[in-house]
Protein backbone atom coordinates (compact mmCIF):
# COMPACT_ATOMS: atom_id res chain seq x y z
CA MET A 1 -72.69 46.35 44.84
CA ALA A 2 -75.30 43.62 44.36
CA SER A 3 -78.57 43.84 46.23
CA ALA A 4 -79.22 41.57 49.18
CA PRO A 5 -80.84 38.17 48.54
CA VAL A 6 -84.62 38.06 48.68
CA VAL A 7 -86.34 35.77 51.18
CA GLN A 8 -90.05 35.21 51.79
CA VAL A 9 -91.72 35.26 55.20
CA PHE A 10 -95.17 33.68 55.45
CA GLY A 11 -97.41 34.65 58.35
CA GLN A 12 -99.20 37.42 60.22
CA PRO A 13 -96.96 40.32 61.30
CA ALA A 14 -98.83 40.60 64.63
CA SER A 15 -97.65 37.07 65.50
CA THR A 16 -94.73 37.03 67.92
CA ASP A 17 -92.88 34.51 65.76
CA VAL A 18 -93.29 36.55 62.57
CA ALA A 19 -92.38 39.78 64.40
CA ARG A 20 -89.18 38.16 65.68
CA VAL A 21 -88.13 37.10 62.18
CA MET A 22 -88.99 40.47 60.62
CA ALA A 23 -87.00 42.29 63.31
CA CYS A 24 -83.97 40.15 62.53
CA LEU A 25 -84.28 40.69 58.77
CA LEU A 26 -84.71 44.44 59.21
CA GLU A 27 -81.74 44.68 61.58
CA ARG A 28 -79.65 42.84 59.01
CA LYS A 29 -80.98 45.13 56.25
CA LEU A 30 -82.05 42.15 54.17
CA GLU A 31 -84.62 42.55 51.44
CA PHE A 32 -87.62 40.28 52.03
CA GLN A 33 -91.19 39.67 50.97
CA LEU A 34 -93.83 39.37 53.69
CA VAL A 35 -96.62 37.08 52.50
CA ARG A 36 -99.52 37.71 54.86
CA THR A 37 -101.40 34.46 55.33
CA ASP A 38 -104.99 35.40 55.97
CA THR A 39 -106.05 32.58 58.27
CA PHE A 40 -108.50 34.60 60.33
CA ARG A 41 -111.07 35.80 57.82
CA ARG A 42 -114.19 33.71 57.65
CA GLY A 43 -114.75 32.10 54.27
CA HIS A 44 -111.06 31.86 53.39
CA GLN A 45 -108.60 29.01 53.58
CA LEU A 46 -104.89 28.64 53.08
CA LEU A 47 -103.64 27.95 49.61
CA PRO A 48 -102.48 24.33 49.10
CA GLU A 49 -98.87 25.37 48.41
CA LEU A 50 -98.68 27.11 51.79
CA VAL A 51 -100.23 24.14 53.57
CA LYS A 52 -97.43 21.96 52.18
CA MET A 53 -94.76 24.31 53.55
CA ARG A 54 -96.44 25.05 56.84
CA ASP A 55 -95.01 23.79 60.09
CA PRO A 56 -97.52 21.47 61.85
CA SER A 57 -97.68 23.87 64.80
CA GLY A 58 -98.61 26.77 62.51
CA LYS A 59 -95.39 28.68 63.16
CA VAL A 60 -93.88 31.25 60.86
CA VAL A 61 -92.34 29.93 57.66
CA LEU A 62 -89.31 31.39 55.88
CA LYS A 63 -88.48 30.41 52.31
CA HIS A 64 -85.08 31.13 50.78
CA GLY A 65 -84.65 29.48 47.40
CA ASP A 66 -85.14 25.75 47.91
CA ILE A 67 -84.79 26.04 51.68
CA THR A 68 -87.92 26.19 53.84
CA LEU A 69 -87.58 26.79 57.59
CA SER A 70 -89.93 27.15 60.53
CA ASP A 71 -89.33 28.14 64.17
CA SER A 72 -88.56 31.82 64.50
CA ARG A 73 -85.45 31.46 66.64
CA GLY A 74 -83.94 28.93 64.25
CA ILE A 75 -84.74 31.25 61.36
CA CYS A 76 -82.95 34.12 63.11
CA ARG A 77 -79.87 31.95 63.58
CA TYR A 78 -80.02 30.99 59.91
CA VAL A 79 -80.31 34.61 58.79
CA CYS A 80 -77.32 35.63 60.91
CA THR A 81 -75.09 32.82 59.64
CA GLU A 82 -76.26 32.61 56.02
CA PHE A 83 -75.99 36.32 55.19
CA PRO A 84 -73.05 37.64 57.26
CA ARG A 85 -71.77 39.96 54.53
CA TRP A 86 -75.02 41.89 54.28
CA CYS A 87 -75.24 42.91 57.92
CA THR A 88 -74.26 46.22 59.46
CA ARG A 89 -73.41 44.59 62.80
CA ASP A 90 -72.71 41.07 64.00
CA LEU A 91 -75.88 40.07 65.84
CA TYR A 92 -74.74 36.50 66.46
CA GLY A 93 -71.23 37.04 67.77
CA SER A 94 -67.86 37.16 66.06
CA GLY A 95 -66.22 34.40 68.09
CA ALA A 96 -66.98 31.22 70.00
CA LEU A 97 -67.14 32.92 73.41
CA GLU A 98 -69.44 35.69 72.20
CA ARG A 99 -71.75 33.23 70.49
CA ALA A 100 -71.89 31.01 73.57
CA SER A 101 -73.02 34.00 75.64
CA ILE A 102 -75.67 34.88 73.07
CA GLU A 103 -76.87 31.27 72.94
CA LYS A 104 -77.24 31.22 76.72
CA TRP A 105 -79.74 34.08 76.52
CA LEU A 106 -81.49 32.66 73.47
CA GLN A 107 -82.17 29.57 75.55
CA ALA A 108 -83.26 31.68 78.51
CA GLU A 109 -85.74 33.57 76.33
CA ALA A 110 -87.23 30.40 74.83
CA GLN A 111 -87.35 28.38 78.05
CA SER A 112 -87.90 30.94 80.83
CA PHE A 113 -89.00 34.34 79.51
CA ASP A 114 -91.43 33.57 76.70
CA THR A 115 -94.02 31.44 78.52
CA PRO A 116 -94.78 33.69 81.53
CA SER A 117 -94.64 36.79 79.30
CA ALA A 118 -97.12 35.32 76.83
CA ALA A 119 -99.39 34.14 79.64
CA LEU A 120 -99.38 37.55 81.31
CA ALA A 121 -100.01 39.37 78.02
CA PHE A 122 -102.94 37.04 77.30
CA HIS A 123 -104.57 37.38 80.70
CA LEU A 124 -104.15 41.16 80.77
CA ALA A 125 -105.15 41.91 77.19
CA LEU A 126 -107.66 39.21 76.28
CA ALA A 127 -109.14 37.48 79.28
CA PRO A 128 -110.59 40.32 81.42
CA PRO A 129 -112.94 41.87 78.80
CA ARG A 130 -114.53 38.48 78.17
CA LEU A 131 -115.19 37.87 81.83
CA VAL A 132 -117.01 41.05 82.87
CA GLY A 133 -119.86 40.25 85.21
CA VAL A 134 -118.82 36.67 85.86
CA GLU A 135 -117.45 36.78 89.38
CA GLU A 136 -116.02 33.29 89.64
CA GLU A 137 -114.31 33.51 86.27
CA ALA A 138 -113.09 37.01 87.11
CA ARG A 139 -111.49 35.67 90.29
CA ARG A 140 -109.81 32.92 88.30
CA ALA A 141 -108.54 35.48 85.80
CA ALA A 142 -107.15 37.65 88.60
CA ALA A 143 -105.41 34.62 90.07
CA ALA A 144 -103.97 33.72 86.66
CA VAL A 145 -102.63 37.26 86.22
CA ALA A 146 -101.06 37.19 89.69
CA GLU A 147 -99.43 33.81 89.03
CA SER A 148 -98.09 34.96 85.64
CA GLU A 149 -96.71 38.11 87.27
CA ARG A 150 -95.06 36.08 90.01
CA ARG A 151 -93.40 33.75 87.50
CA LEU A 152 -92.25 36.60 85.26
CA LEU A 153 -90.91 38.63 88.19
CA ARG A 154 -88.75 35.69 89.20
CA VAL A 155 -87.25 35.68 85.70
CA LEU A 156 -86.88 39.46 85.66
CA ASP A 157 -84.87 39.32 88.88
CA VAL A 158 -82.23 37.28 87.05
CA TYR A 159 -82.32 39.62 84.06
CA ASP A 160 -82.07 42.73 86.22
CA ASP A 161 -78.98 41.37 87.92
CA ALA A 162 -77.31 40.52 84.58
CA LEU A 163 -78.23 43.88 83.07
CA GLY A 164 -76.62 45.61 86.03
CA ARG A 165 -73.28 44.38 84.70
CA SER A 166 -73.69 45.21 80.99
CA ALA A 167 -75.85 47.37 78.75
CA TYR A 168 -77.33 44.35 76.96
CA LEU A 169 -77.80 40.72 77.83
CA ALA A 170 -74.69 39.33 76.14
CA GLY A 171 -72.45 42.36 76.64
CA ASP A 172 -72.37 46.03 75.74
CA GLU A 173 -73.66 45.58 72.18
CA PHE A 174 -77.16 44.77 70.94
CA THR A 175 -77.30 41.16 69.69
CA LEU A 176 -79.71 38.40 68.79
CA ALA A 177 -79.94 37.67 72.53
CA ASP A 178 -81.82 40.95 72.99
CA LEU A 179 -83.73 40.89 69.71
CA THR A 180 -85.49 37.59 70.39
CA HIS A 181 -87.02 39.03 73.58
CA LEU A 182 -88.72 41.93 71.80
CA PRO A 183 -92.05 40.33 70.73
CA ALA A 184 -92.89 38.87 74.15
CA ALA A 185 -91.68 41.95 76.04
CA HIS A 186 -93.74 44.14 73.70
CA GLY A 187 -96.81 42.05 74.50
CA VAL A 188 -96.30 42.66 78.21
CA ALA A 189 -95.64 46.38 77.71
CA ARG A 190 -98.89 46.93 75.80
CA SER A 191 -100.81 47.05 79.10
CA ALA A 192 -100.34 49.55 81.93
CA ARG A 193 -99.91 46.75 84.45
CA GLY A 194 -97.32 45.06 82.26
CA ARG A 195 -95.39 48.29 81.81
CA ALA A 196 -95.40 48.81 85.57
CA LEU A 197 -93.99 45.32 86.02
CA LEU A 198 -91.10 46.01 83.64
CA ALA A 199 -90.53 49.43 85.22
CA SER A 200 -90.22 47.82 88.67
CA LYS A 201 -86.83 46.46 87.63
CA GLY A 202 -84.60 49.44 86.86
CA ASN A 203 -82.04 47.69 84.67
CA VAL A 204 -84.73 45.79 82.78
CA ALA A 205 -86.65 49.03 82.20
CA ARG A 206 -83.56 50.75 80.82
CA TRP A 207 -82.76 47.77 78.59
CA TYR A 208 -86.31 47.44 77.23
CA ALA A 209 -86.49 51.18 76.50
CA ALA A 210 -83.28 50.89 74.46
CA ILE A 211 -84.14 47.78 72.44
CA SER A 212 -87.77 48.75 71.77
CA ALA A 213 -86.67 52.14 70.40
CA ARG A 214 -84.58 50.59 67.64
CA PRO A 215 -85.77 51.63 64.15
CA ALA A 216 -86.08 48.02 62.98
CA TRP A 217 -88.42 47.13 65.85
CA ARG A 218 -90.44 50.33 65.44
CA GLN A 219 -90.98 49.35 61.82
CA VAL A 220 -92.16 45.88 62.89
CA VAL A 221 -94.68 47.43 65.31
CA VAL A 222 -96.08 49.67 62.57
CA MET A 223 -96.37 46.71 60.19
CA ALA A 224 -98.07 44.60 62.86
CA HIS A 225 -100.45 47.12 64.40
CA GLY A 226 -100.70 50.02 61.97
CA PRO A 227 -99.83 53.69 62.61
CA HIS A 228 -101.87 53.64 65.87
CA ARG A 229 -101.76 51.04 68.60
CA ALA A 230 -103.75 50.68 71.78
CA VAL A 231 -101.77 51.76 74.83
CA GLY A 232 -103.63 51.38 78.09
CA ALA A 233 -107.01 53.07 77.78
CA ARG A 234 -106.01 55.46 75.02
CA GLU A 235 -104.84 55.41 71.42
CA GLU A 236 -101.28 56.57 70.91
CA ALA A 237 -99.81 57.37 67.51
CA THR A 238 -96.77 55.35 66.55
CA ALA A 239 -94.62 57.24 64.11
CA ALA A 240 -93.13 55.13 61.37
CA PRO A 241 -89.34 55.08 61.41
CA PRO A 242 -87.44 57.00 58.76
CA ALA A 243 -87.30 55.39 55.33
CA SER A 244 -84.68 52.68 55.39
CA GLU A 245 -82.67 50.92 52.73
CA VAL A 246 -84.60 47.71 53.30
CA CYS A 247 -87.13 46.72 50.66
CA VAL A 248 -90.18 44.99 52.14
CA GLN A 249 -92.84 43.71 49.77
CA THR A 250 -96.18 42.71 51.26
CA THR A 251 -98.56 40.21 49.66
CA LEU A 252 -101.88 38.88 50.98
CA LEU A 253 -102.23 35.14 50.49
CA SER A 254 -105.71 33.66 50.85
CA ALA A 255 -108.15 31.65 48.82
CA ALA A 256 -111.90 31.20 48.83
CA PRO A 257 -113.06 27.64 49.59
């Protein structure tokens, strides 16, 4: 049997967009090359060939032969439709009705779940340490956290109700509808307050525990954060998943000015 086609993913694995694409590729057991674009080190700049490919918003880029795509959700759809024979399960639905249900939740993730999740993760993980000792700014940060929590809770109410009727968002099987939520949900769950928020909705908590324990996602977390990741106020080891059949090559792409 021939090996799966090779695709290239350009970006930082800690990025939510890159993590989403890698999770999809790993679930589909597709061989790919991760080209880590080192945009954060001082004294380095992107290579001209990457600049030409790069989406103006700086989103993840996937290259497959002569095809270059950006936007992580669009890439996931492409992967699921372009390589159906390589997958071990149908993440994007096997019929029109199934796919319509999956699409409904893909839209919900992009339009309703992602923004409050990202805002809450930012305010909990990044803003507070920078504002120590500045009372007015600290009050603003606390208000921002509370507002992000309020907005996300409103979304989680809808999710909790839906997940009370099925194991996963689009039915009783894991699909792309669930996968696309993983990066943002992971960002929320990295803080104790975020985990408590998810745990406050029983069906959501059960669902997140199931999807975040998948070997493909565990491998993404290790690639993004290393064998240890910060959890609350302590360091917790993250065991790498068992060796899989997927071949992932990693290359660092940067250039001195």
